[in-house]
Protein backbone atom coordinates (compact mmCIF):
# COMPACT_ATOMS: atom_id res chain seq x y z
CA UNK A 1 10.81 -12.27 -39.41
CA UNK A 2 11.34 -8.55 -38.66
CA UNK A 3 8.99 -6.50 -36.48
CA UNK A 4 7.92 -4.49 -39.53
CA UNK A 5 7.09 -7.64 -41.48
CA UNK A 6 5.17 -9.04 -38.54
CA UNK A 7 3.26 -5.78 -38.30
CA UNK A 8 2.34 -5.88 -41.99
CA UNK A 9 1.23 -9.52 -41.70
CA UNK A 10 -0.79 -8.70 -38.59
CA UNK A 11 -2.46 -5.80 -40.38
CA UNK A 12 -3.34 -8.04 -43.32
CA UNK A 13 -5.09 -10.68 -41.26
CA UNK A 14 -6.73 -8.25 -38.86
CA UNK A 15 -8.05 -6.21 -41.78
CA UNK A 16 -9.42 -9.34 -43.43
CA UNK A 17 -11.17 -10.40 -40.23
CA UNK A 18 -12.54 -6.91 -39.74
CA UNK A 19 -13.86 -6.70 -43.30
CA UNK A 20 -15.52 -10.11 -43.22
CA UNK A 21 -17.03 -9.62 -39.76
CA UNK A 22 -18.34 -6.20 -40.84
CA UNK A 23 -20.08 -7.80 -43.82
CA UNK A 24 -21.55 -10.54 -41.62
CA UNK A 25 -22.72 -8.05 -39.00
CA UNK A 26 -24.27 -5.80 -41.64
CA UNK A 27 -26.08 -8.78 -43.15
CA UNK A 28 -27.29 -9.65 -39.65
CA UNK A 29 -28.67 -6.17 -39.00
CA UNK A 30 -30.32 -5.95 -42.44
CA UNK A 31 -32.07 -9.31 -42.11
CA UNK A 32 -32.77 -9.57 -38.40
CA UNK A 33 -33.99 -5.98 -37.94
CA UNK A 34 -36.94 -6.87 -40.17
CA UNK A 35 -37.87 -9.85 -37.96
CA UNK A 36 -37.37 -8.35 -34.48
CA UNK A 37 -39.22 -5.47 -32.86
CA UNK A 38 -37.84 -2.24 -31.38
CA UNK A 39 -38.81 -3.63 -27.97
CA UNK A 40 -36.45 -6.61 -28.46
CA UNK A 41 -33.56 -4.25 -29.19
CA UNK A 42 -34.54 -2.10 -26.22
CA UNK A 43 -34.52 -5.06 -23.83
CA UNK A 44 -31.10 -6.33 -24.94
CA UNK A 45 -29.58 -2.85 -24.56
CA UNK A 46 -30.94 -2.63 -21.00
CA UNK A 47 -29.29 -5.96 -20.22
CA UNK A 48 -25.96 -4.97 -21.73
CA UNK A 49 -25.58 -2.03 -19.32
CA UNK A 50 -24.94 -4.50 -16.50
CA UNK A 51 -23.29 -7.27 -18.50
CA UNK A 52 -20.68 -5.08 -20.21
CA UNK A 53 -19.56 -3.56 -16.91
CA UNK A 54 -19.19 -7.07 -15.48
CA UNK A 55 -17.19 -8.21 -18.53
CA UNK A 56 -14.81 -5.28 -18.05
CA UNK A 57 -14.08 -6.69 -14.57
CA UNK A 58 -13.74 -10.30 -15.65
CA UNK A 59 -9.93 -10.56 -15.86
CA UNK A 60 -9.02 -7.74 -13.43
CA UNK A 61 -7.36 -5.92 -16.33
CA UNK A 62 -4.42 -8.32 -16.44
CA UNK A 63 -4.71 -9.28 -20.12
CA UNK A 64 -3.06 -6.09 -21.30
CA UNK A 65 -0.49 -6.39 -18.51
CA UNK A 66 0.66 -9.64 -20.15
CA UNK A 67 1.26 -7.76 -23.41
CA UNK A 68 3.04 -4.91 -21.62
CA UNK A 69 5.45 -7.27 -19.83
CA UNK A 70 7.95 -8.70 -22.27
CA UNK A 71 8.93 -11.68 -20.06
CA UNK A 72 6.15 -13.75 -18.51
CA UNK A 73 6.77 -17.11 -16.80
CA UNK A 74 4.69 -20.25 -17.19
CA UNK A 75 3.76 -20.22 -13.49
CA UNK A 76 2.53 -16.65 -13.80
CA UNK A 77 0.37 -17.57 -16.79
CA UNK A 78 -1.09 -20.53 -14.89
CA UNK A 79 -1.99 -18.41 -11.87
CA UNK A 80 -3.46 -15.69 -14.05
CA UNK A 81 -5.54 -18.22 -16.02
CA UNK A 82 -7.07 -19.70 -12.88
CA UNK A 83 -7.80 -16.20 -11.64
CA UNK A 84 -9.55 -15.45 -14.96
CA UNK A 85 -11.79 -18.49 -14.69
CA UNK A 86 -12.69 -17.81 -11.06
CA UNK A 87 -13.44 -14.13 -11.74
CA UNK A 88 -15.62 -14.98 -14.74
CA UNK A 89 -17.63 -17.53 -12.78
CA UNK A 90 -18.08 -15.16 -9.84
CA UNK A 91 -19.24 -12.28 -12.02
CA UNK A 92 -21.68 -14.54 -13.87
CA UNK A 93 -23.25 -15.43 -10.53
CA UNK A 94 -23.46 -11.74 -9.54
CA UNK A 95 -25.21 -10.77 -12.79
CA UNK A 96 -27.65 -13.66 -12.35
CA UNK A 97 -28.51 -12.39 -8.85
CA UNK A 98 -28.82 -8.76 -10.02
CA UNK A 99 -31.40 -9.59 -12.72
CA UNK A 100 -34.47 -8.96 -10.51
CA UNK A 101 -33.09 -5.55 -9.43
CA UNK A 102 -32.48 -4.57 -13.06
CA UNK A 103 -36.02 -5.58 -14.01
CA UNK A 104 -37.34 -3.51 -11.10
CA UNK A 105 -35.26 -0.44 -12.06
CA UNK A 106 -36.40 -0.49 -15.69
CA UNK A 107 -39.97 -1.52 -14.79
CA UNK A 108 -39.61 -4.38 -17.30
CA UNK A 109 -40.52 -7.82 -15.85
CA UNK A 110 -39.62 -9.47 -19.18
CA UNK A 111 -35.98 -8.55 -18.56
CA UNK A 112 -35.47 -11.24 -15.89
CA UNK A 113 -35.11 -14.39 -18.02
CA UNK A 114 -32.90 -12.99 -20.82
CA UNK A 115 -30.58 -11.27 -18.35
CA UNK A 116 -30.01 -14.46 -16.36
CA UNK A 117 -29.01 -16.27 -19.54
CA UNK A 118 -26.74 -13.38 -20.53
CA UNK A 119 -24.87 -13.83 -17.24
CA UNK A 120 -22.98 -16.65 -18.99
CA UNK A 121 -21.36 -14.02 -21.21
CA UNK A 122 -19.20 -13.10 -18.20
CA UNK A 123 -17.76 -16.63 -18.00
CA UNK A 124 -17.46 -17.92 -21.57
CA UNK A 125 -14.73 -15.43 -22.70
CA UNK A 126 -12.54 -16.39 -19.70
CA UNK A 127 -11.97 -19.83 -21.22
CA UNK A 128 -9.96 -18.45 -24.11
CA UNK A 129 -9.11 -14.87 -23.16
CA UNK A 130 -5.52 -15.46 -22.04
CA UNK A 131 -4.72 -17.42 -25.22
CA UNK A 132 -6.07 -14.57 -27.35
CA UNK A 133 -3.76 -12.16 -25.54
CA UNK A 134 -0.76 -14.43 -26.11
CA UNK A 135 -1.58 -14.78 -29.81
CA UNK A 136 -1.77 -10.98 -30.02
CA UNK A 137 1.50 -10.53 -28.16
CA UNK A 138 3.29 -12.81 -30.60
CA UNK A 139 1.54 -11.06 -33.52
CA UNK A 140 -0.01 -14.37 -34.64
CA UNK A 141 -3.08 -12.80 -36.16
CA UNK A 142 -3.81 -15.37 -38.85
CA UNK A 143 -5.47 -17.80 -36.46
CA UNK A 144 -7.22 -15.02 -34.56
CA UNK A 145 -8.67 -13.71 -37.82
CA UNK A 146 -10.01 -17.11 -38.82
CA UNK A 147 -11.58 -17.64 -35.38
CA UNK A 148 -13.21 -14.20 -35.40
CA UNK A 149 -14.73 -14.79 -38.83
CA UNK A 150 -16.08 -18.22 -37.87
CA UNK A 151 -17.47 -16.90 -34.56
CA UNK A 152 -19.36 -14.10 -36.32
CA UNK A 153 -20.85 -16.58 -38.77
CA UNK A 154 -21.98 -18.82 -35.88
CA UNK A 155 -23.54 -15.82 -34.09
CA UNK A 156 -25.30 -14.67 -37.26
CA UNK A 157 -26.75 -18.11 -37.96
CA UNK A 158 -27.98 -18.35 -34.37
CA UNK A 159 -29.77 -15.00 -34.32
CA UNK A 160 -31.17 -15.44 -37.83
CA UNK A 161 -32.86 -18.75 -37.12
CA UNK A 162 -33.85 -17.66 -33.63
CA UNK A 163 -35.58 -14.55 -35.00
CA UNK A 164 -37.10 -16.55 -37.86
CA UNK A 165 -38.62 -19.01 -35.39
CA UNK A 166 -40.04 -16.22 -33.22
CA UNK A 167 -37.76 -16.26 -30.18
CA UNK A 168 -37.57 -12.45 -30.03
CA UNK A 169 -35.01 -11.08 -27.60
CA UNK A 170 -33.79 -14.63 -26.82
CA UNK A 171 -32.49 -14.83 -30.40
CA UNK A 172 -30.18 -11.90 -29.63
CA UNK A 173 -29.13 -13.50 -26.33
CA UNK A 174 -28.32 -16.80 -28.05
CA UNK A 175 -26.27 -14.96 -30.68
CA UNK A 176 -24.04 -13.30 -28.07
CA UNK A 177 -23.56 -16.57 -26.16
CA UNK A 178 -22.87 -18.79 -29.17
CA UNK A 179 -20.34 -16.30 -30.56
CA UNK A 180 -18.47 -16.05 -27.24
CA UNK A 181 -18.47 -19.79 -26.50
CA UNK A 182 -17.36 -20.82 -29.99
CA UNK A 183 -14.56 -18.24 -30.03
CA UNK A 184 -13.28 -19.19 -26.57
CA UNK A 185 -13.25 -22.91 -27.29
CA UNK A 186 -11.31 -22.37 -30.55
CA UNK A 187 -8.76 -20.15 -28.78
CA UNK A 188 -8.38 -22.61 -25.91
CA UNK A 189 -7.98 -25.57 -28.29
CA UNK A 190 -5.10 -23.95 -30.19
CA UNK A 191 -3.59 -22.00 -27.29
CA UNK A 192 -3.42 -24.91 -24.90
CA UNK A 193 -0.97 -26.70 -27.19
CA UNK A 194 1.36 -23.68 -27.22
CA UNK A 195 1.04 -22.24 -23.71
CA UNK A 196 -0.60 -24.98 -21.66
CA UNK A 197 -1.37 -23.68 -18.14
CA UNK A 198 -0.92 -26.10 -15.26
CA UNK A 199 -3.11 -26.61 -12.22
CA UNK A 200 -0.99 -24.20 -10.26
CA UNK A 201 -1.88 -21.01 -8.43
CA UNK A 202 0.17 -18.67 -6.28
CA UNK A 203 -0.64 -15.16 -5.16
CA UNK A 204 3.04 -14.26 -5.54
CA UNK A 205 2.70 -14.70 -9.31
CA UNK A 206 0.05 -11.97 -9.40
CA UNK A 207 2.40 -9.34 -8.04
CA UNK A 208 2.71 -6.45 -10.46
CA UNK A 209 -0.08 -7.71 -12.66
CA UNK A 210 -2.86 -6.76 -10.28
CA UNK A 211 -1.45 -3.30 -9.57
CA UNK A 212 -1.34 -2.67 -13.33
CA UNK A 213 -4.62 -4.48 -13.87
CA UNK A 214 -6.73 -2.72 -11.24
CA UNK A 215 -6.27 0.62 -12.98
CA UNK A 216 -6.98 -1.04 -16.32
CA UNK A 217 -10.04 -2.79 -14.86
CA UNK A 218 -11.26 0.44 -13.28
CA UNK A 219 -10.94 2.42 -16.50
CA UNK A 220 -12.55 -0.45 -18.42
CA UNK A 221 -15.51 -0.52 -16.03
CA UNK A 222 -16.01 3.21 -16.31
CA UNK A 223 -15.64 3.12 -20.10
CA UNK A 224 -18.18 0.28 -20.36
CA UNK A 225 -20.56 2.11 -18.07
CA UNK A 226 -20.15 5.32 -20.08
CA UNK A 227 -20.73 3.45 -23.34
CA UNK A 228 -24.05 2.18 -22.04
CA UNK A 229 -25.11 5.01 -19.75
CA UNK A 230 -27.46 6.39 -22.39
CA UNK A 231 -29.35 3.08 -22.28
CA UNK A 232 -29.46 3.26 -18.49
CA UNK A 233 -30.98 6.76 -18.53
CA UNK A 234 -33.32 6.36 -21.50
CA UNK A 235 -34.47 2.85 -20.56
CA UNK A 236 -36.10 4.10 -17.38
CA UNK A 237 -37.41 7.34 -18.90
CA UNK A 238 -38.93 6.20 -22.20
CA UNK A 239 -39.33 2.40 -21.99
CA UNK A 240 -38.11 -0.52 -24.10
CA UNK A 241 -39.86 0.31 -27.39
CA UNK A 242 -38.65 3.93 -27.67
CA UNK A 243 -35.24 2.87 -26.44
CA UNK A 244 -35.22 0.33 -29.27
CA UNK A 245 -35.21 3.09 -31.90
CA UNK A 246 -32.25 4.77 -30.22
CA UNK A 247 -30.48 1.43 -29.78
CA UNK A 248 -30.90 0.63 -33.46
CA UNK A 249 -29.41 4.00 -34.44
CA UNK A 250 -26.52 3.67 -32.00
CA UNK A 251 -25.67 0.10 -32.98
CA UNK A 252 -25.82 0.90 -36.69
CA UNK A 253 -23.36 3.76 -36.16
CA UNK A 254 -21.21 1.71 -33.81
CA UNK A 255 -20.62 -1.13 -36.28
CA UNK A 256 -17.65 0.57 -37.99
CA UNK A 257 -16.23 1.66 -34.62
CA UNK A 258 -16.57 -1.86 -33.21
CA UNK A 259 -14.46 -3.13 -36.11
CA UNK A 260 -12.00 -0.25 -36.37
CA UNK A 261 -11.17 0.10 -32.68
CA UNK A 262 -10.17 -3.54 -31.96
CA UNK A 263 -8.29 -3.68 -35.27
CA UNK A 264 -6.20 -0.66 -34.27
CA UNK A 265 -5.74 -1.86 -30.68
CA UNK A 266 -4.73 -5.42 -31.56
CA UNK A 267 -1.97 -4.24 -33.85
CA UNK A 268 -0.87 -0.99 -32.22
CA UNK A 269 -0.56 -2.18 -28.60
CA UNK A 270 2.13 -4.86 -29.11
CA UNK A 271 3.98 -2.71 -31.65
CA UNK A 272 3.97 0.43 -29.47
CA UNK A 273 4.92 -1.67 -26.42
CA UNK A 274 8.13 -2.73 -28.17
CA UNK A 275 9.23 0.91 -28.65
CA UNK A 276 7.86 2.17 -25.32
CA UNK A 277 11.25 3.61 -24.28
CA UNK A 278 11.86 5.57 -27.52
CA UNK A 279 9.72 8.68 -27.22
CA UNK A 280 10.34 10.10 -30.69
CA UNK A 281 9.46 6.82 -32.39
CA UNK A 282 6.47 6.45 -30.10
CA UNK A 283 5.18 9.92 -31.03
CA UNK A 284 5.72 9.32 -34.73
CA UNK A 285 4.01 5.93 -34.60
CA UNK A 286 1.04 7.30 -32.70
CA UNK A 287 0.49 10.18 -35.13
CA UNK A 288 0.72 7.82 -38.09
CA UNK A 289 -2.05 5.75 -36.54
CA UNK A 290 -4.31 8.79 -36.04
CA UNK A 291 -3.73 9.79 -39.68
CA UNK A 292 -4.71 6.33 -40.87
CA UNK A 293 -7.86 6.42 -38.75
CA UNK A 294 -8.94 9.77 -40.22
CA UNK A 295 -8.73 8.37 -43.76
CA UNK A 296 -10.96 5.45 -42.79
CA UNK A 297 -13.41 6.88 -40.25
CA UNK A 298 -14.05 10.13 -42.15
CA UNK A 299 -15.73 8.71 -45.28
CA UNK A 300 -17.54 6.03 -43.30
CA UNK A 301 -19.22 8.31 -40.78
CA UNK A 302 -19.82 11.37 -42.93
CA UNK A 303 -21.10 9.06 -45.67
CA UNK A 304 -23.46 7.41 -43.19
CA UNK A 305 -24.75 10.78 -42.01
CA UNK A 306 -25.68 12.02 -45.48
CA UNK A 307 -27.11 8.72 -46.79
CA UNK A 308 -29.17 7.82 -43.68
CA UNK A 309 -32.52 9.21 -45.01
CA UNK A 310 -32.38 6.68 -47.85
CA UNK A 311 -30.26 3.93 -46.30
CA UNK A 312 -32.39 3.26 -43.22
CA UNK A 313 -35.82 2.72 -44.83
CA UNK A 314 -34.40 0.86 -47.83
CA UNK A 315 -32.01 -1.49 -46.02
CA UNK A 316 -33.77 -2.02 -42.70
CA UNK A 317 -37.43 -1.26 -43.28
CA UNK A 318 -39.85 1.63 -42.88
CA UNK A 319 -40.42 0.73 -39.21
CA UNK A 320 -37.03 2.30 -38.38
CA UNK A 321 -37.57 5.75 -39.96
CA UNK A 322 -37.89 7.25 -36.49
CA UNK A 323 -34.19 6.44 -36.02
CA UNK A 324 -32.89 8.45 -39.02
CA UNK A 325 -32.15 11.75 -37.24
CA UNK A 326 -30.44 9.88 -34.41
CA UNK A 327 -28.29 7.97 -36.92
CA UNK A 328 -27.11 11.27 -38.42
CA UNK A 329 -26.25 12.85 -35.07
CA UNK A 330 -24.56 9.75 -33.65
CA UNK A 331 -22.52 9.25 -36.84
CA UNK A 332 -20.94 12.68 -36.36
CA UNK A 333 -20.41 11.94 -32.66
CA UNK A 334 -18.55 8.72 -33.45
CA UNK A 335 -16.42 10.45 -36.07
CA UNK A 336 -15.31 12.81 -33.32
CA UNK A 337 -14.71 9.84 -31.00
CA UNK A 338 -12.50 8.12 -33.58
CA UNK A 339 -9.80 10.69 -32.79
CA UNK A 340 -9.18 9.03 -29.42
CA UNK A 341 -9.11 5.37 -30.52
CA UNK A 342 -5.32 4.76 -30.31
CA UNK A 343 -4.77 6.55 -26.99
CA UNK A 344 -5.80 3.51 -24.97
CA UNK A 345 -3.11 1.38 -26.64
CA UNK A 346 -0.53 4.14 -26.24
CA UNK A 347 -1.01 4.40 -22.49
CA UNK A 348 -1.04 0.63 -21.96
CA UNK A 349 2.10 0.27 -24.09
CA UNK A 350 4.05 2.55 -21.74
CA UNK A 351 2.49 1.09 -18.59
CA UNK A 352 0.34 4.12 -17.72
CA UNK A 353 -2.93 2.34 -16.93
CA UNK A 354 -3.39 4.72 -13.98
CA UNK A 355 -3.46 7.70 -16.37
CA UNK A 356 -6.22 6.01 -18.37
CA UNK A 357 -8.17 5.39 -15.17
CA UNK A 358 -8.15 9.06 -14.16
CA UNK A 359 -9.03 10.04 -17.73
CA UNK A 360 -12.05 7.71 -17.58
CA UNK A 361 -13.18 9.35 -14.33
CA UNK A 362 -13.05 12.80 -15.93
CA UNK A 363 -14.97 11.59 -18.97
CA UNK A 364 -17.61 10.04 -16.75
CA UNK A 365 -18.00 13.35 -14.90
CA UNK A 366 -18.60 15.07 -18.25
CA UNK A 367 -20.86 12.47 -19.83
CA UNK A 368 -23.30 11.64 -17.03
CA UNK A 369 -24.77 15.12 -16.47
CA UNK A 370 -24.67 15.88 -20.21
CA UNK A 371 -26.74 12.84 -21.16
CA UNK A 372 -29.12 13.31 -18.25
CA UNK A 373 -29.81 16.91 -19.27
CA UNK A 374 -30.19 15.82 -22.91
CA UNK A 375 -32.70 13.12 -21.96
CA UNK A 376 -34.73 15.53 -19.85
CA UNK A 377 -34.72 18.17 -22.61
CA UNK A 378 -35.34 16.07 -25.70
CA UNK A 379 -35.60 12.34 -24.97
CA UNK A 380 -33.63 10.10 -27.31
CA UNK A 381 -32.76 12.87 -29.79
CA UNK A 382 -31.72 15.11 -26.89
CA UNK A 383 -29.34 12.40 -25.68
CA UNK A 384 -27.83 12.10 -29.18
CA UNK A 385 -27.11 15.85 -29.33
CA UNK A 386 -25.74 15.82 -25.77
CA UNK A 387 -23.47 12.91 -26.68
CA UNK A 388 -22.04 14.87 -29.61
CA UNK A 389 -21.29 17.96 -27.51
CA UNK A 390 -19.79 15.95 -24.65
CA UNK A 391 -17.64 13.90 -27.03
CA UNK A 392 -16.06 17.03 -28.50
CA UNK A 393 -15.06 18.12 -25.01
CA UNK A 394 -13.74 14.63 -24.22
CA UNK A 395 -11.37 14.79 -27.22
CA UNK A 396 -9.72 17.85 -25.66
CA UNK A 397 -9.50 16.13 -22.29
CA UNK A 398 -7.97 13.11 -24.03
CA UNK A 399 -5.14 15.23 -25.41
CA UNK A 400 -4.29 17.25 -22.30
CA UNK A 401 -4.76 14.42 -19.79
CA UNK A 402 -3.40 11.47 -21.80
CA UNK A 403 -1.57 12.15 -25.06
CA UNK A 404 0.54 15.05 -23.79
CA UNK A 405 1.58 13.05 -20.74
CA UNK A 406 2.59 10.04 -22.82
CA UNK A 407 4.46 11.58 -25.79
CA UNK A 408 4.87 15.27 -24.96
CA UNK A 409 3.37 18.48 -26.29
CA UNK A 410 2.25 17.83 -29.88
CA UNK A 411 -1.16 19.48 -30.20
CA UNK A 412 -0.48 21.07 -33.60
CA UNK A 413 0.94 17.82 -35.00
CA UNK A 414 -1.99 15.89 -33.51
CA UNK A 415 -4.50 18.15 -35.27
CA UNK A 416 -2.56 18.04 -38.55
CA UNK A 417 -2.47 14.25 -38.45
CA UNK A 418 -6.28 14.10 -38.68
CA UNK A 419 -6.89 17.07 -40.97
CA UNK A 420 -6.36 15.61 -44.49
CA UNK A 421 -8.65 12.58 -44.09
CA UNK A 422 -11.36 14.69 -42.47
CA UNK A 423 -11.17 17.43 -45.11
CA UNK A 424 -11.39 15.03 -48.06
CA UNK A 425 -14.29 13.25 -46.34
CA UNK A 426 -16.16 16.55 -45.91
CA UNK A 427 -15.76 17.32 -49.61
CA UNK A 428 -16.98 13.83 -50.47
CA UNK A 429 -19.99 14.17 -48.13
CA UNK A 430 -20.94 17.55 -49.62
CA UNK A 431 -21.02 16.04 -53.10
CA UNK A 432 -23.08 13.03 -51.95
CA UNK A 433 -25.51 15.30 -50.09
CA UNK A 434 -26.01 17.51 -53.17
CA UNK A 435 -26.61 14.43 -55.31
CA UNK A 436 -29.24 13.20 -52.84
CA UNK A 437 -31.14 16.49 -53.11
CA UNK A 438 -30.93 16.50 -56.90
CA UNK A 439 -32.09 12.87 -57.15
CA UNK A 440 -34.92 13.12 -54.59
CA UNK A 441 -37.52 13.40 -57.38
CA UNK A 442 -36.75 9.81 -58.42
CA UNK A 443 -38.92 8.60 -55.49
CA UNK A 444 -36.83 5.45 -55.08
CA UNK A 445 -34.78 5.09 -51.90
CA UNK A 446 -32.81 2.19 -53.35
CA UNK A 447 -31.85 3.95 -56.58
CA UNK A 448 -30.89 7.18 -54.78
CA UNK A 449 -28.79 5.20 -52.29
CA UNK A 450 -26.93 3.38 -55.06
CA UNK A 451 -26.21 6.69 -56.81
CA UNK A 452 -25.00 8.28 -53.56
CA UNK A 453 -22.72 5.36 -52.68
CA UNK A 454 -21.25 5.23 -56.19
CA UNK A 455 -20.68 8.97 -56.19
CA UNK A 456 -19.08 8.87 -52.74
CA UNK A 457 -16.62 6.10 -53.64
CA UNK A 458 -15.58 7.74 -56.92
CA UNK A 459 -15.31 11.22 -55.41
CA UNK A 460 -13.28 10.13 -52.37
CA UNK A 461 -10.96 7.96 -54.47
CA UNK A 462 -10.48 10.85 -56.88
CA UNK A 463 -9.61 13.25 -54.08
CA UNK A 464 -7.06 10.85 -52.60
CA UNK A 465 -5.48 10.11 -55.97
CA UNK A 466 -5.45 13.78 -56.90
CA UNK A 467 -4.09 15.29 -53.68
CA UNK A 468 -2.43 12.43 -51.78
CA UNK A 469 -0.73 10.50 -54.56
CA UNK A 470 2.30 9.91 -52.36
CA UNK A 471 0.09 8.12 -49.83
CA UNK A 472 -1.22 5.79 -52.53
CA UNK A 473 2.31 5.12 -53.74
CA UNK A 474 3.45 4.33 -50.20
CA UNK A 475 0.60 1.85 -49.74
CA UNK A 476 1.40 0.24 -53.09
CA UNK A 477 5.09 -0.05 -52.15
CA UNK A 478 4.16 -1.74 -48.91
CA UNK A 479 1.83 -4.14 -50.71
CA UNK A 480 4.45 -4.93 -53.34
CA UNK A 481 7.07 -5.43 -50.63
CA UNK A 482 4.78 -7.80 -48.77
CA UNK A 483 4.09 -9.72 -51.99
CA UNK A 484 7.83 -10.01 -52.65
CA UNK A 485 8.48 -11.28 -49.13
CA UNK A 486 5.71 -13.82 -49.51
CA UNK A 487 7.12 -14.96 -52.86
CA UNK A 488 10.61 -15.34 -51.40
CA UNK A 489 9.22 -17.35 -48.47
CA UNK A 490 7.10 -19.59 -50.71
């Protein structure tokens, strides 16, 4: 099977997993948000500040080093697997011990118990993490897709019944843990038969992996800390309940990003790694990815921004109306952030984890004072505005400090690659916004939302068909080619 065919097959299964998991996660938010309180969401976001940083350290950044290296020995995999397990167990113990300090910092005694349970989230992924990486490297995405879908269903069932039975924040904790444990056990069960590690460990086998991995781990830690730094600042300033409104807005906006970013990374990293020495192909491939992202992220985030006044109260309940303005601001912020999604894969593909580490340090230096000033000036809404401004600056840093180093000077081409999708999305959003104003007299959030969504889909599809017919034809050719290959093989 050719690399192109493998890439198409990988995209198919990853897209399916992303679509199904997005539906499951949306169903979870719609149902569970009506059973849990803002305080429950605030507490879990406080916990995740510490836990996500620990998870970023759990494999010392060596997972992506395995993908980057095209020849990995069985002894090396065995040593790396044992290192993964030991690191996960050690970090789980550290998070368990840090729980009292976190409760003291946030002035939230109720944080202690949930955080100690969440410490297990540092260990569970280590059981199957290496096998997931190997499946990705070989572009075997069918099994990964099925596992992801099943794990999301298990997590949803856990949080739904936990919230229904009144377990509060522990329902969210159980959802995270059940998802991670189920996924890891499934990966280990299948992966062990293909790449069974032995009870062997040698420090010599870690040579090269750790030097690559430490930069990757460092940038991952900083990125995780930056992703949750708003919770760290707001949690102490405004308390769990007010933080809950911000957390709800942020997580609602992050759902598309959480699906889009791994989907792009899983496929783009192994593909870009295989052409890492061909700069022209690398540049072309990267710009094609940014174009694709603009066509997907644009309508999602601009659509979310203009429909939020009707979407939030109708879908999630009137108790979340305080989050509407924050949803609108953060949706625009994440649209801006989508421009940098594929850079991480690009740098790892060419072995420049150190560049990503220094980029993360610069971003941290921008984000920390920005969010602190925003929190002091306007609380949660001030942080949302500060995030938007800082993210726009970070996109420029991303180009000059990362993209230009990796594939050369291409600023004009980089901007052009994102322009069509963004422009068509703006036109779509303007039409949906005007419809919302015209239909406001209907006094029915549900009816207005249905009209807006229908209008948005029709308008965006019409714009693409009218102005980018060649793009549609190219997609159809690819789909027909894939169908033909499948028919020949079956």
